Amino acid sequence: QMQLVESGGGPVQPGGSLRLSCIASESRIRYYPMRWYRQAPGKERELVTLITSDGDMAYLEDSVKGRFTGSRDNAKRTMYLQMNNLQPEDTAVYYCNAMEYWGKGTLVTVTS
């Protein structure tokens, strides 16, 4: 069973940056699109970005355009989310998804 493990979250001040990583346990991940979702306190989970198997960023949520960039390195079985100019409204647990598999999430807290 595929496992996805996120890392890179933590506290950050407004305007700061973080890079999230999601590593998959199986190399077959290279054939599948991967997604970052996030869930803020009291809100539903939302799709942040979709990265195709070829590494194209096919979708990016409107509120993060110009600030977040998704990418992947299939040789490393890893997907990334570069987050710049973070704002308090970006505070959420960020989840990695591929096929029916989900990571446990990594918490990003943006606060002064």
N, C-alpha and C. Protein backbone atom coordinates (compact mmCIF):
# COMPACT_ATOMS: atom_id res chain seq x y z
N GLN A 1 0.84 -1.18 0.00
CA GLN A 1 0.00 0.00 0.00
C GLN A 1 0.88 1.24 0.00
N MET A 2 0.56 2.15 -0.89
CA MET A 2 1.35 3.36 -1.02
C MET A 2 1.25 4.18 0.26
N GLN A 3 2.37 4.73 0.69
CA GLN A 3 2.39 5.67 1.80
C GLN A 3 2.90 7.01 1.31
N LEU A 4 2.28 8.07 1.82
CA LEU A 4 2.68 9.43 1.51
C LEU A 4 3.01 10.14 2.82
N VAL A 5 4.15 10.77 2.87
CA VAL A 5 4.58 11.43 4.11
C VAL A 5 4.96 12.87 3.81
N GLU A 6 4.23 13.78 4.44
CA GLU A 6 4.50 15.20 4.28
C GLU A 6 5.49 15.68 5.33
N SER A 7 6.20 16.73 4.99
CA SER A 7 7.10 17.39 5.93
C SER A 7 7.28 18.85 5.51
N GLY A 8 7.87 19.63 6.41
CA GLY A 8 8.20 21.00 6.08
C GLY A 8 7.30 22.06 6.69
N GLY A 9 6.24 21.64 7.35
CA GLY A 9 5.36 22.61 7.99
C GLY A 9 5.98 23.18 9.26
N GLY A 10 5.28 24.15 9.83
CA GLY A 10 5.75 24.76 11.06
C GLY A 10 5.24 26.17 11.18
N PRO A 11 5.67 26.89 12.20
CA PRO A 11 5.25 28.28 12.38
C PRO A 11 6.08 29.21 11.49
N VAL A 12 5.44 30.25 11.01
CA VAL A 12 6.13 31.23 10.17
C VAL A 12 5.41 32.57 10.31
N GLN A 13 6.16 33.64 10.20
CA GLN A 13 5.56 34.96 10.29
C GLN A 13 4.94 35.36 8.95
N PRO A 14 3.95 36.26 8.97
CA PRO A 14 3.39 36.75 7.70
C PRO A 14 4.48 37.30 6.80
N GLY A 15 4.39 36.96 5.51
CA GLY A 15 5.41 37.36 4.56
C GLY A 15 6.54 36.36 4.40
N GLY A 16 6.56 35.37 5.27
CA GLY A 16 7.61 34.36 5.22
C GLY A 16 7.36 33.27 4.20
N SER A 17 8.28 32.32 4.14
CA SER A 17 8.22 31.24 3.16
C SER A 17 8.43 29.89 3.83
N LEU A 18 7.85 28.88 3.23
CA LEU A 18 8.08 27.49 3.62
C LEU A 18 8.05 26.64 2.36
N ARG A 19 8.75 25.51 2.41
CA ARG A 19 8.64 24.53 1.34
C ARG A 19 8.19 23.20 1.95
N LEU A 20 7.05 22.75 1.49
CA LEU A 20 6.55 21.46 1.92
C LEU A 20 7.04 20.38 0.97
N SER A 21 7.21 19.19 1.52
CA SER A 21 7.60 18.04 0.72
C SER A 21 6.65 16.89 1.01
N CYS A 22 6.44 16.05 0.02
CA CYS A 22 5.64 14.84 0.17
C CYS A 22 6.38 13.73 -0.55
N ILE A 23 6.82 12.74 0.21
CA ILE A 23 7.54 11.63 -0.40
C ILE A 23 6.66 10.39 -0.42
N ALA A 24 6.67 9.72 -1.55
CA ALA A 24 5.87 8.50 -1.72
C ALA A 24 6.75 7.28 -1.51
N SER A 25 6.12 6.21 -1.06
CA SER A 25 6.87 4.99 -0.73
C SER A 25 7.15 4.12 -1.94
N GLU A 26 6.47 4.39 -3.06
CA GLU A 26 6.61 3.53 -4.23
C GLU A 26 6.93 4.35 -5.48
N SER A 27 7.80 3.80 -6.31
CA SER A 27 8.23 4.52 -7.50
C SER A 27 7.13 4.66 -8.54
N ARG A 28 6.10 3.85 -8.44
CA ARG A 28 5.02 3.93 -9.42
C ARG A 28 4.26 5.24 -9.31
N ILE A 29 4.55 6.02 -8.26
CA ILE A 29 3.93 7.34 -8.12
C ILE A 29 4.19 8.20 -9.35
N ARG A 30 5.27 7.90 -10.07
CA ARG A 30 5.65 8.70 -11.21
C ARG A 30 4.57 8.71 -12.31
N TYR A 31 3.71 7.74 -12.31
CA TYR A 31 2.71 7.62 -13.37
C TYR A 31 1.40 8.33 -13.04
N TYR A 32 1.32 8.93 -11.86
CA TYR A 32 0.05 9.46 -11.39
C TYR A 32 0.15 10.94 -11.03
N PRO A 33 -0.93 11.68 -11.23
CA PRO A 33 -0.95 13.05 -10.74
C PRO A 33 -0.93 13.06 -9.21
N MET A 34 -0.42 14.13 -8.66
CA MET A 34 -0.38 14.32 -7.22
C MET A 34 -1.01 15.67 -6.89
N ARG A 35 -1.53 15.75 -5.71
CA ARG A 35 -2.24 16.97 -5.30
C ARG A 35 -1.84 17.39 -3.90
N TRP A 36 -1.87 18.69 -3.68
CA TRP A 36 -1.81 19.26 -2.33
C TRP A 36 -3.21 19.78 -2.01
N TYR A 37 -3.68 19.40 -0.85
CA TYR A 37 -4.90 19.95 -0.28
C TYR A 37 -4.54 20.65 1.03
N ARG A 38 -5.46 21.48 1.50
CA ARG A 38 -5.30 22.05 2.83
C ARG A 38 -6.66 22.16 3.51
N GLN A 39 -6.61 22.11 4.82
CA GLN A 39 -7.82 22.26 5.61
C GLN A 39 -7.55 23.21 6.76
N ALA A 40 -8.19 24.36 6.69
CA ALA A 40 -8.05 25.36 7.74
C ALA A 40 -9.02 25.02 8.88
N PRO A 41 -8.76 25.52 10.07
CA PRO A 41 -9.64 25.26 11.20
C PRO A 41 -11.08 25.66 10.90
N GLY A 42 -12.00 24.74 11.09
CA GLY A 42 -13.41 25.02 10.88
C GLY A 42 -13.86 25.08 9.44
N LYS A 43 -12.98 24.73 8.53
CA LYS A 43 -13.32 24.80 7.11
C LYS A 43 -13.16 23.44 6.45
N GLU A 44 -13.73 23.31 5.26
CA GLU A 44 -13.60 22.07 4.51
C GLU A 44 -12.23 22.00 3.83
N ARG A 45 -11.85 20.78 3.55
CA ARG A 45 -10.60 20.57 2.84
C ARG A 45 -10.73 21.13 1.41
N GLU A 46 -9.70 21.82 0.96
CA GLU A 46 -9.73 22.39 -0.39
C GLU A 46 -8.47 22.01 -1.17
N LEU A 47 -8.65 21.91 -2.48
CA LEU A 47 -7.53 21.61 -3.36
C LEU A 47 -6.68 22.86 -3.55
N VAL A 48 -5.39 22.71 -3.35
CA VAL A 48 -4.46 23.82 -3.54
C VAL A 48 -3.83 23.75 -4.92
N THR A 49 -3.28 22.59 -5.26
CA THR A 49 -2.65 22.45 -6.56
C THR A 49 -2.64 21.00 -7.01
N LEU A 50 -2.67 20.81 -8.32
CA LEU A 50 -2.55 19.49 -8.93
C LEU A 50 -1.33 19.49 -9.82
N ILE A 51 -0.49 18.50 -9.63
CA ILE A 51 0.72 18.35 -10.43
C ILE A 51 0.57 17.08 -11.27
N THR A 52 0.67 17.22 -12.58
CA THR A 52 0.54 16.06 -13.46
C THR A 52 1.74 15.13 -13.31
N SER A 53 1.63 13.95 -13.88
CA SER A 53 2.74 13.00 -13.81
C SER A 53 3.99 13.56 -14.47
N ASP A 54 3.81 14.44 -15.42
CA ASP A 54 4.94 15.07 -16.11
C ASP A 54 5.50 16.27 -15.37
N GLY A 55 4.85 16.66 -14.28
CA GLY A 55 5.35 17.77 -13.49
C GLY A 55 4.73 19.11 -13.79
N ASP A 56 3.70 19.14 -14.63
CA ASP A 56 3.02 20.39 -14.92
C ASP A 56 2.06 20.74 -13.79
N MET A 57 1.96 22.01 -13.48
CA MET A 57 1.04 22.47 -12.46
C MET A 57 -0.29 22.77 -13.16
N ALA A 58 -1.17 21.79 -13.17
CA ALA A 58 -2.40 21.89 -13.96
C ALA A 58 -3.48 22.70 -13.27
N TYR A 59 -3.35 22.90 -11.98
CA TYR A 59 -4.35 23.68 -11.24
C TYR A 59 -3.67 24.37 -10.07
N LEU A 60 -4.09 25.59 -9.80
CA LEU A 60 -3.61 26.33 -8.62
C LEU A 60 -4.77 27.16 -8.11
N GLU A 61 -5.05 27.01 -6.85
CA GLU A 61 -6.18 27.71 -6.24
C GLU A 61 -5.97 29.22 -6.33
N ASP A 62 -7.06 29.94 -6.60
CA ASP A 62 -6.94 31.37 -6.90
C ASP A 62 -6.24 32.18 -5.81
N SER A 63 -6.52 31.89 -4.57
CA SER A 63 -5.97 32.73 -3.49
C SER A 63 -4.47 32.58 -3.31
N VAL A 64 -3.88 31.56 -3.92
CA VAL A 64 -2.43 31.35 -3.75
C VAL A 64 -1.65 31.64 -5.02
N LYS A 65 -2.35 32.01 -6.08
CA LYS A 65 -1.66 32.32 -7.35
C LYS A 65 -0.68 33.47 -7.15
N GLY A 66 0.51 33.29 -7.70
CA GLY A 66 1.55 34.29 -7.54
C GLY A 66 2.37 34.12 -6.27
N ARG A 67 1.93 33.22 -5.39
CA ARG A 67 2.65 32.99 -4.13
C ARG A 67 3.12 31.55 -3.95
N PHE A 68 2.32 30.60 -4.39
CA PHE A 68 2.65 29.18 -4.23
C PHE A 68 3.02 28.57 -5.58
N THR A 69 3.94 27.60 -5.52
CA THR A 69 4.32 26.86 -6.72
C THR A 69 4.44 25.39 -6.36
N GLY A 70 3.76 24.56 -7.13
CA GLY A 70 3.87 23.12 -6.95
C GLY A 70 4.83 22.52 -7.96
N SER A 71 5.53 21.47 -7.54
CA SER A 71 6.45 20.80 -8.44
C SER A 71 6.66 19.38 -7.93
N ARG A 72 7.39 18.60 -8.71
CA ARG A 72 7.69 17.24 -8.29
C ARG A 72 9.00 16.79 -8.91
N ASP A 73 9.60 15.80 -8.26
CA ASP A 73 10.82 15.16 -8.76
C ASP A 73 10.55 13.66 -8.72
N ASN A 74 10.22 13.10 -9.86
CA ASN A 74 9.85 11.68 -9.90
C ASN A 74 11.01 10.77 -9.51
N ALA A 75 12.21 11.18 -9.78
CA ALA A 75 13.37 10.36 -9.40
C ALA A 75 13.46 10.23 -7.88
N LYS A 76 12.97 11.24 -7.18
CA LYS A 76 12.99 11.23 -5.71
C LYS A 76 11.64 10.85 -5.13
N ARG A 77 10.67 10.56 -5.97
CA ARG A 77 9.32 10.18 -5.53
C ARG A 77 8.72 11.28 -4.65
N THR A 78 9.03 12.50 -4.95
CA THR A 78 8.68 13.61 -4.06
C THR A 78 7.97 14.73 -4.82
N MET A 79 6.94 15.27 -4.15
CA MET A 79 6.24 16.45 -4.62
C MET A 79 6.53 17.58 -3.64
N TYR A 80 6.56 18.80 -4.17
CA TYR A 80 6.88 19.96 -3.34
C TYR A 80 5.79 21.02 -3.45
N LEU A 81 5.73 21.85 -2.43
CA LEU A 81 4.91 23.05 -2.49
C LEU A 81 5.73 24.19 -1.92
N GLN A 82 6.19 25.07 -2.79
CA GLN A 82 6.91 26.25 -2.36
C GLN A 82 5.89 27.34 -2.06
N MET A 83 5.90 27.83 -0.84
CA MET A 83 4.92 28.82 -0.40
C MET A 83 5.66 30.09 0.01
N ASN A 84 5.40 31.16 -0.71
CA ASN A 84 6.01 32.45 -0.43
C ASN A 84 4.95 33.45 0.01
N ASN A 85 5.40 34.51 0.66
CA ASN A 85 4.50 35.57 1.12
C ASN A 85 3.29 34.98 1.86
N LEU A 86 3.57 34.12 2.80
CA LEU A 86 2.50 33.46 3.53
C LEU A 86 1.70 34.46 4.35
N GLN A 87 0.41 34.21 4.43
CA GLN A 87 -0.53 35.07 5.14
C GLN A 87 -1.27 34.25 6.19
N PRO A 88 -1.82 34.91 7.20
CA PRO A 88 -2.55 34.17 8.24
C PRO A 88 -3.63 33.25 7.69
N GLU A 89 -4.26 33.62 6.59
CA GLU A 89 -5.32 32.78 6.03
C GLU A 89 -4.79 31.51 5.37
N ASP A 90 -3.46 31.40 5.26
CA ASP A 90 -2.86 30.17 4.76
C ASP A 90 -2.66 29.14 5.87
N THR A 91 -2.94 29.52 7.09
CA THR A 91 -2.84 28.58 8.21
C THR A 91 -3.78 27.41 7.99
N ALA A 92 -3.22 26.20 8.00
CA ALA A 92 -4.00 25.00 7.71
C ALA A 92 -3.11 23.78 7.87
N VAL A 93 -3.74 22.64 7.88
CA VAL A 93 -3.02 21.38 7.72
C VAL A 93 -2.98 21.10 6.22
N TYR A 94 -1.79 20.86 5.72
CA TYR A 94 -1.59 20.61 4.29
C TYR A 94 -1.40 19.11 4.08
N TYR A 95 -2.18 18.56 3.14
CA TYR A 95 -2.19 17.13 2.87
C TYR A 95 -1.73 16.84 1.46
N CYS A 96 -1.04 15.75 1.33
CA CYS A 96 -0.61 15.21 0.04
C CYS A 96 -1.57 14.09 -0.36
N ASN A 97 -1.90 14.05 -1.64
CA ASN A 97 -2.83 13.04 -2.15
C ASN A 97 -2.36 12.53 -3.50
N ALA A 98 -2.51 11.24 -3.69
CA ALA A 98 -2.30 10.60 -4.99
C ALA A 98 -3.19 9.37 -5.04
N MET A 99 -3.92 9.25 -6.12
CA MET A 99 -4.91 8.15 -6.24
C MET A 99 -5.79 8.20 -4.99
N GLU A 100 -5.95 7.04 -4.32
CA GLU A 100 -6.80 7.03 -3.14
C GLU A 100 -6.00 7.19 -1.86
N TYR A 101 -4.74 7.51 -1.98
CA TYR A 101 -3.86 7.58 -0.82
C TYR A 101 -3.68 9.01 -0.33
N TRP A 102 -3.60 9.12 1.00
CA TRP A 102 -3.44 10.41 1.65
C TRP A 102 -2.32 10.36 2.68
N GLY A 103 -1.59 11.45 2.79
CA GLY A 103 -0.68 11.57 3.91
C GLY A 103 -1.43 12.01 5.16
N LYS A 104 -0.70 12.10 6.27
CA LYS A 104 -1.32 12.50 7.53
C LYS A 104 -1.35 14.00 7.71
N GLY A 105 -0.65 14.71 6.86
CA GLY A 105 -0.69 16.16 6.89
C GLY A 105 0.46 16.79 7.65
N THR A 106 0.72 18.04 7.32
CA THR A 106 1.71 18.83 8.03
C THR A 106 1.11 20.21 8.30
N LEU A 107 1.26 20.68 9.52
CA LEU A 107 0.59 21.90 9.95
C LEU A 107 1.45 23.13 9.62
N VAL A 108 0.82 24.08 8.96
CA VAL A 108 1.44 25.37 8.69
C VAL A 108 0.68 26.43 9.49
N THR A 109 1.40 27.16 10.30
CA THR A 109 0.79 28.21 11.12
C THR A 109 1.46 29.53 10.81
N VAL A 110 0.67 30.47 10.31
CA VAL A 110 1.19 31.78 9.95
C VAL A 110 0.67 32.79 10.97
N THR A 111 1.58 33.29 11.78
CA THR A 111 1.18 34.20 12.84
C THR A 111 2.34 35.10 13.22
N SER A 112 1.99 36.31 13.63
CA SER A 112 3.01 37.22 14.09
C SER A 112 3.18 37.09 15.60
